[in-house]
């Protein structure tokens, strides 16, 4: 059963990242402020989104 969950999570993650990539391309075309960001700005923006997703999902941190 553990293997099933692993495969399911990989599929969901792949679908999510595909939509995120297409969203990034669309956002770059529609918003001039986003297109003007340097690479470090785009990286910081994407890391901020991932950080808040991680915090909102309430995944416990391992120690």
PDB file of N, CA and C in Angstrom:
ATOM      1  N   UNK A   1       0.819  -1.192   0.000  1.00  0.00           N
ATOM      2  CA  UNK A   1       0.000   0.000   0.000  1.00  0.00           C
ATOM      3  C   UNK A   1       0.862   1.255   0.000  1.00  0.00           C
ATOM      4  N   UNK A   2       2.031   1.173   0.655  1.00  0.00           N
ATOM      5  CA  UNK A   2       2.932   2.316   0.716  1.00  0.00           C
ATOM      6  C   UNK A   2       3.425   2.699  -0.685  1.00  0.00           C
ATOM      7  N   UNK A   3       3.687   1.697  -1.513  1.00  0.00           N
ATOM      8  CA  UNK A   3       4.128   1.946  -2.881  1.00  0.00           C
ATOM      9  C   UNK A   3       3.063   2.653  -3.696  1.00  0.00           C
ATOM     10  N   UNK A   4       1.798   2.306  -3.457  1.00  0.00           N
ATOM     11  CA  UNK A   4       0.688   2.958  -4.152  1.00  0.00           C
ATOM     12  C   UNK A   4       0.639   4.441  -3.817  1.00  0.00           C
ATOM     13  N   UNK A   5       0.786   4.770  -2.537  1.00  0.00           N
ATOM     14  CA  UNK A   5       0.770   6.173  -2.124  1.00  0.00           C
ATOM     15  C   UNK A   5       1.945   6.941  -2.733  1.00  0.00           C
ATOM     16  N   UNK A   6       3.088   6.306  -2.816  1.00  0.00           N
ATOM     17  CA  UNK A   6       4.255   6.943  -3.418  1.00  0.00           C
ATOM     18  C   UNK A   6       4.001   7.275  -4.884  1.00  0.00           C
ATOM     19  N   UNK A   7       3.482   6.322  -5.619  1.00  0.00           N
ATOM     20  CA  UNK A   7       3.193   6.548  -7.035  1.00  0.00           C
ATOM     21  C   UNK A   7       2.109   7.612  -7.200  1.00  0.00           C
ATOM     22  N   UNK A   8       1.079   7.558  -6.376  1.00  0.00           N
ATOM     23  CA  UNK A   8       0.002   8.549  -6.438  1.00  0.00           C
ATOM     24  C   UNK A   8       0.529   9.956  -6.158  1.00  0.00           C
ATOM     25  N   UNK A   9       1.367  10.091  -5.147  1.00  0.00           N
ATOM     26  CA  UNK A   9       1.936  11.407  -4.823  1.00  0.00           C
ATOM     27  C   UNK A   9       2.844  11.917  -5.935  1.00  0.00           C
ATOM     28  N   UNK A  10       3.590  11.030  -6.576  1.00  0.00           N
ATOM     29  CA  UNK A  10       4.429  11.443  -7.702  1.00  0.00           C
ATOM     30  C   UNK A  10       3.588  11.932  -8.873  1.00  0.00           C
ATOM     31  N   UNK A  11       2.501  11.266  -9.147  1.00  0.00           N
ATOM     32  CA  UNK A  11       1.612  11.693 -10.232  1.00  0.00           C
ATOM     33  C   UNK A  11       0.976  13.040  -9.908  1.00  0.00           C
ATOM     34  N   UNK A  12       0.467  13.188  -8.705  1.00  0.00           N
ATOM     35  CA  UNK A  12      -0.145  14.467  -8.304  1.00  0.00           C
ATOM     36  C   UNK A  12       0.881  15.590  -8.354  1.00  0.00           C
ATOM     37  N   UNK A  13       2.081  15.331  -7.893  1.00  0.00           N
ATOM     38  CA  UNK A  13       3.140  16.337  -7.916  1.00  0.00           C
ATOM     39  C   UNK A  13       3.485  16.737  -9.346  1.00  0.00           C
ATOM     40  N   UNK A  14       3.572  15.764 -10.233  1.00  0.00           N
ATOM     41  CA  UNK A  14       3.895  16.035 -11.623  1.00  0.00           C
ATOM     42  C   UNK A  14       2.808  16.885 -12.275  1.00  0.00           C
ATOM     43  N   UNK A  15       1.553  16.552 -12.029  1.00  0.00           N
ATOM     44  CA  UNK A  15       0.443  17.336 -12.592  1.00  0.00           C
ATOM     45  C   UNK A  15       0.482  18.764 -12.047  1.00  0.00           C
ATOM     46  N   UNK A  16       0.700  18.896 -10.741  1.00  0.00           N
ATOM     47  CA  UNK A  16       0.769  20.225 -10.134  1.00  0.00           C
ATOM     48  C   UNK A  16       1.896  21.053 -10.740  1.00  0.00           C
ATOM     49  N   UNK A  17       3.063  20.465 -10.901  1.00  0.00           N
ATOM     50  CA  UNK A  17       4.204  21.208 -11.450  1.00  0.00           C
ATOM     51  C   UNK A  17       3.990  21.562 -12.917  1.00  0.00           C
ATOM     52  N   UNK A  18       3.286  20.723 -13.661  1.00  0.00           N
ATOM     53  CA  UNK A  18       2.967  21.049 -15.050  1.00  0.00           C
ATOM     54  C   UNK A  18       2.063  22.273 -15.109  1.00  0.00           C
ATOM     55  N   UNK A  19       1.019  22.295 -14.275  1.00  0.00           N
ATOM     56  CA  UNK A  19       0.145  23.471 -14.235  1.00  0.00           C
ATOM     57  C   UNK A  19       0.894  24.707 -13.748  1.00  0.00           C
ATOM     58  N   UNK A  20       1.806  24.534 -12.797  1.00  0.00           N
ATOM     59  CA  UNK A  20       2.594  25.664 -12.305  1.00  0.00           C
ATOM     60  C   UNK A  20       3.477  26.239 -13.411  1.00  0.00           C
ATOM     61  N   UNK A  21       4.061  25.368 -14.217  1.00  0.00           N
ATOM     62  CA  UNK A  21       4.920  25.831 -15.307  1.00  0.00           C
ATOM     63  C   UNK A  21       4.112  26.602 -16.342  1.00  0.00           C
ATOM     64  N   UNK A  22       2.958  26.062 -16.730  1.00  0.00           N
ATOM     65  CA  UNK A  22       2.123  26.771 -17.698  1.00  0.00           C
ATOM     66  C   UNK A  22       1.595  28.080 -17.112  1.00  0.00           C
ATOM     67  N   UNK A  23       1.280  28.079 -15.823  1.00  0.00           N
ATOM     68  CA  UNK A  23       0.850  29.312 -15.157  1.00  0.00           C
ATOM     69  C   UNK A  23       1.957  30.355 -15.159  1.00  0.00           C
ATOM     70  N   UNK A  24       3.179  29.909 -14.953  1.00  0.00           N
ATOM     71  CA  UNK A  24       4.323  30.818 -14.979  1.00  0.00           C
ATOM     72  C   UNK A  24       4.472  31.446 -16.360  1.00  0.00           C
ATOM     73  N   UNK A  25       4.333  30.646 -17.411  1.00  0.00           N
ATOM     74  CA  UNK A  25       4.443  31.176 -18.768  1.00  0.00           C
ATOM     75  C   UNK A  25       3.327  32.161 -19.081  1.00  0.00           C
ATOM     76  N   UNK A  26       2.114  31.854 -18.628  1.00  0.00           N
ATOM     77  CA  UNK A  26       0.984  32.749 -18.871  1.00  0.00           C
ATOM     78  C   UNK A  26       1.146  34.039 -18.070  1.00  0.00           C
ATOM     79  N   UNK A  27       1.608  33.922 -16.834  1.00  0.00           N
ATOM     80  CA  UNK A  27       1.807  35.093 -15.984  1.00  0.00           C
ATOM     81  C   UNK A  27       2.858  36.013 -16.589  1.00  0.00           C
ATOM     82  N   UNK A  28       3.890  35.425 -17.173  1.00  0.00           N
ATOM     83  CA  UNK A  28       4.958  36.199 -17.794  1.00  0.00           C
ATOM     84  C   UNK A  28       4.426  36.991 -18.995  1.00  0.00           C
ATOM     85  N   UNK A  29       3.462  36.445 -19.710  1.00  0.00           N
ATOM     86  CA  UNK A  29       2.890  37.123 -20.868  1.00  0.00           C
ATOM     87  C   UNK A  29       1.894  38.205 -20.463  1.00  0.00           C
ATOM     88  N   UNK A  30       1.147  37.988 -19.380  1.00  0.00           N
ATOM     89  CA  UNK A  30       0.058  38.890 -19.018  1.00  0.00           C
ATOM     90  C   UNK A  30       0.468  40.031 -18.092  1.00  0.00           C
ATOM     91  N   UNK A  31       1.480  39.835 -17.294  1.00  0.00           N
ATOM     92  CA  UNK A  31       1.854  40.858 -16.302  1.00  0.00           C
ATOM     93  C   UNK A  31       3.246  41.391 -16.601  1.00  0.00           C
ATOM     94  N   UNK A  32       3.314  42.669 -16.895  1.00  0.00           N
ATOM     95  CA  UNK A  32       4.598  43.261 -17.280  1.00  0.00           C
ATOM     96  C   UNK A  32       5.585  43.289 -16.111  1.00  0.00           C
ATOM     97  N   UNK A  33       5.090  43.464 -14.880  1.00  0.00           N
ATOM     98  CA  UNK A  33       5.999  43.513 -13.728  1.00  0.00           C
ATOM     99  C   UNK A  33       6.690  42.169 -13.519  1.00  0.00           C
ATOM    100  N   UNK A  34       5.986  41.087 -13.823  1.00  0.00           N
ATOM    101  CA  UNK A  34       6.573  39.760 -13.658  1.00  0.00           C
ATOM    102  C   UNK A  34       7.607  39.485 -14.746  1.00  0.00           C
ATOM    103  N   UNK A  35       7.321  39.937 -15.962  1.00  0.00           N
ATOM    104  CA  UNK A  35       8.254  39.739 -17.073  1.00  0.00           C
ATOM    105  C   UNK A  35       9.533  40.541 -16.865  1.00  0.00           C
ATOM    106  N   UNK A  36       9.437  41.652 -16.122  1.00  0.00           N
ATOM    107  CA  UNK A  36      10.592  42.510 -15.897  1.00  0.00           C
ATOM    108  C   UNK A  36      11.495  42.018 -14.759  1.00  0.00           C
ATOM    109  N   UNK A  37      11.038  41.009 -14.008  1.00  0.00           N
ATOM    110  CA  UNK A  37      11.846  40.511 -12.894  1.00  0.00           C
ATOM    111  C   UNK A  37      13.114  39.829 -13.407  1.00  0.00           C
ATOM    112  N   UNK A  38      14.226  40.051 -12.736  1.00  0.00           N
ATOM    113  CA  UNK A  38      15.428  39.283 -13.091  1.00  0.00           C
ATOM    114  C   UNK A  38      15.263  37.839 -12.611  1.00  0.00           C
ATOM    115  N   UNK A  39      16.165  36.988 -12.999  1.00  0.00           N
ATOM    116  CA  UNK A  39      16.082  35.568 -12.650  1.00  0.00           C
ATOM    117  C   UNK A  39      16.000  35.362 -11.140  1.00  0.00           C
ATOM    118  N   UNK A  40      16.767  36.102 -10.382  1.00  0.00           N
ATOM    119  CA  UNK A  40      16.747  35.932  -8.920  1.00  0.00           C
ATOM    120  C   UNK A  40      15.377  36.307  -8.349  1.00  0.00           C
ATOM    121  N   UNK A  41      14.705  37.272  -8.970  1.00  0.00           N
ATOM    122  CA  UNK A  41      13.359  37.647  -8.530  1.00  0.00           C
ATOM    123  C   UNK A  41      12.353  36.543  -8.794  1.00  0.00           C
ATOM    124  N   UNK A  42      12.457  35.907  -9.945  1.00  0.00           N
ATOM    125  CA  UNK A  42      11.562  34.791 -10.279  1.00  0.00           C
ATOM    126  C   UNK A  42      11.817  33.622  -9.338  1.00  0.00           C
ATOM    127  N   UNK A  43      13.071  33.352  -9.039  1.00  0.00           N
ATOM    128  CA  UNK A  43      13.419  32.268  -8.112  1.00  0.00           C
ATOM    129  C   UNK A  43      12.864  32.566  -6.717  1.00  0.00           C
ATOM    130  N   UNK A  44      13.030  33.796  -6.244  1.00  0.00           N
ATOM    131  CA  UNK A  44      12.511  34.174  -4.928  1.00  0.00           C
ATOM    132  C   UNK A  44      10.989  34.073  -4.886  1.00  0.00           C
ATOM    133  N   UNK A  45      10.335  34.487  -5.957  1.00  0.00           N
ATOM    134  CA  UNK A  45       8.870  34.410  -6.042  1.00  0.00           C
ATOM    135  C   UNK A  45       8.404  32.962  -5.957  1.00  0.00           C
ATOM    136  N   UNK A  46       9.043  32.069  -6.702  1.00  0.00           N
ATOM    137  CA  UNK A  46       8.632  30.666  -6.692  1.00  0.00           C
ATOM    138  C   UNK A  46       8.932  30.000  -5.345  1.00  0.00           C
ATOM    139  N   UNK A  47      10.054  30.348  -4.721  1.00  0.00           N
ATOM    140  CA  UNK A  47      10.379  29.797  -3.405  1.00  0.00           C
ATOM    141  C   UNK A  47       9.408  30.299  -2.346  1.00  0.00           C
ATOM    142  N   UNK A  48       8.959  31.536  -2.478  1.00  0.00           N
ATOM    143  CA  UNK A  48       7.977  32.079  -1.526  1.00  0.00           C
ATOM    144  C   UNK A  48       6.656  31.310  -1.632  1.00  0.00           C
ATOM    145  N   UNK A  49       6.240  31.026  -2.859  1.00  0.00           N
ATOM    146  CA  UNK A  49       5.013  30.248  -3.047  1.00  0.00           C
ATOM    147  C   UNK A  49       5.170  28.864  -2.426  1.00  0.00           C
ATOM    148  N   UNK A  50       6.283  28.211  -2.682  1.00  0.00           N
ATOM    149  CA  UNK A  50       6.519  26.874  -2.131  1.00  0.00           C
ATOM    150  C   UNK A  50       6.571  26.912  -0.605  1.00  0.00           C
ATOM    151  N   UNK A  51       7.193  27.955  -0.052  1.00  0.00           N
ATOM    152  CA  UNK A  51       7.289  28.080   1.411  1.00  0.00           C
ATOM    153  C   UNK A  51       5.906  28.176   2.044  1.00  0.00           C
ATOM    154  N   UNK A  52       5.048  29.037   1.485  1.00  0.00           N
ATOM    155  CA  UNK A  52       3.715  29.200   2.060  1.00  0.00           C
ATOM    156  C   UNK A  52       2.841  27.967   1.829  1.00  0.00           C
ATOM    157  N   UNK A  53       3.016  27.286   0.713  1.00  0.00           N
ATOM    158  CA  UNK A  53       2.309  26.021   0.504  1.00  0.00           C
ATOM    159  C   UNK A  53       2.726  25.011   1.566  1.00  0.00           C
ATOM    160  N   UNK A  54       4.005  24.945   1.836  1.00  0.00           N
ATOM    161  CA  UNK A  54       4.525  24.003   2.825  1.00  0.00           C
ATOM    162  C   UNK A  54       3.971  24.323   4.213  1.00  0.00           C
ATOM    163  N   UNK A  55       3.968  25.589   4.553  1.00  0.00           N
ATOM    164  CA  UNK A  55       3.484  25.991   5.872  1.00  0.00           C
ATOM    165  C   UNK A  55       1.976  25.782   6.009  1.00  0.00           C
ATOM    166  N   UNK A  56       1.222  26.030   4.933  1.00  0.00           N
ATOM    167  CA  UNK A  56      -0.227  25.881   4.996  1.00  0.00           C
ATOM    168  C   UNK A  56      -0.670  24.428   4.985  1.00  0.00           C
ATOM    169  N   UNK A  57       0.158  23.546   4.450  1.00  0.00           N
ATOM    170  CA  UNK A  57      -0.222  22.137   4.406  1.00  0.00           C
ATOM    171  C   UNK A  57      -0.018  21.461   5.754  1.00  0.00           C
ATOM    172  N   UNK A  58       0.630  22.150   6.684  1.00  0.00           N
ATOM    173  CA  UNK A  58       0.844  21.658   8.048  1.00  0.00           C
ATOM    174  C   UNK A  58       1.570  20.313   8.081  1.00  0.00           C
ATOM    175  N   UNK A  59       2.569  20.193   7.256  1.00  0.00           N
ATOM    176  CA  UNK A  59       3.393  18.991   7.263  1.00  0.00           C
ATOM    177  C   UNK A  59       4.365  19.106   8.441  1.00  0.00           C
ATOM    178  N   UNK A  60       4.368  18.142   9.335  1.00  0.00           N
ATOM    179  CA  UNK A  60       5.284  18.243  10.468  1.00  0.00           C
ATOM    180  C   UNK A  60       6.733  18.115  10.017  1.00  0.00           C
ATOM    181  N   UNK A  61       7.588  18.935  10.605  1.00  0.00           N
ATOM    182  CA  UNK A  61       9.007  18.893  10.261  1.00  0.00           C
ATOM    183  C   UNK A  61       9.678  17.775  11.052  1.00  0.00           C
ATOM    184  N   UNK A  62      10.583  17.054  10.384  1.00  0.00           N
ATOM    185  CA  UNK A  62      11.340  16.006  11.068  1.00  0.00           C
ATOM    186  C   UNK A  62      12.496  16.611  11.827  1.00  0.00           C
ATOM    187  N   UNK A  63      12.824  16.008  12.934  1.00  0.00           N
ATOM    188  CA  UNK A  63      13.956  16.498  13.730  1.00  0.00           C
ATOM    189  C   UNK A  63      15.050  15.479  13.719  1.00  0.00           C
TER     190      UNK A  63
END
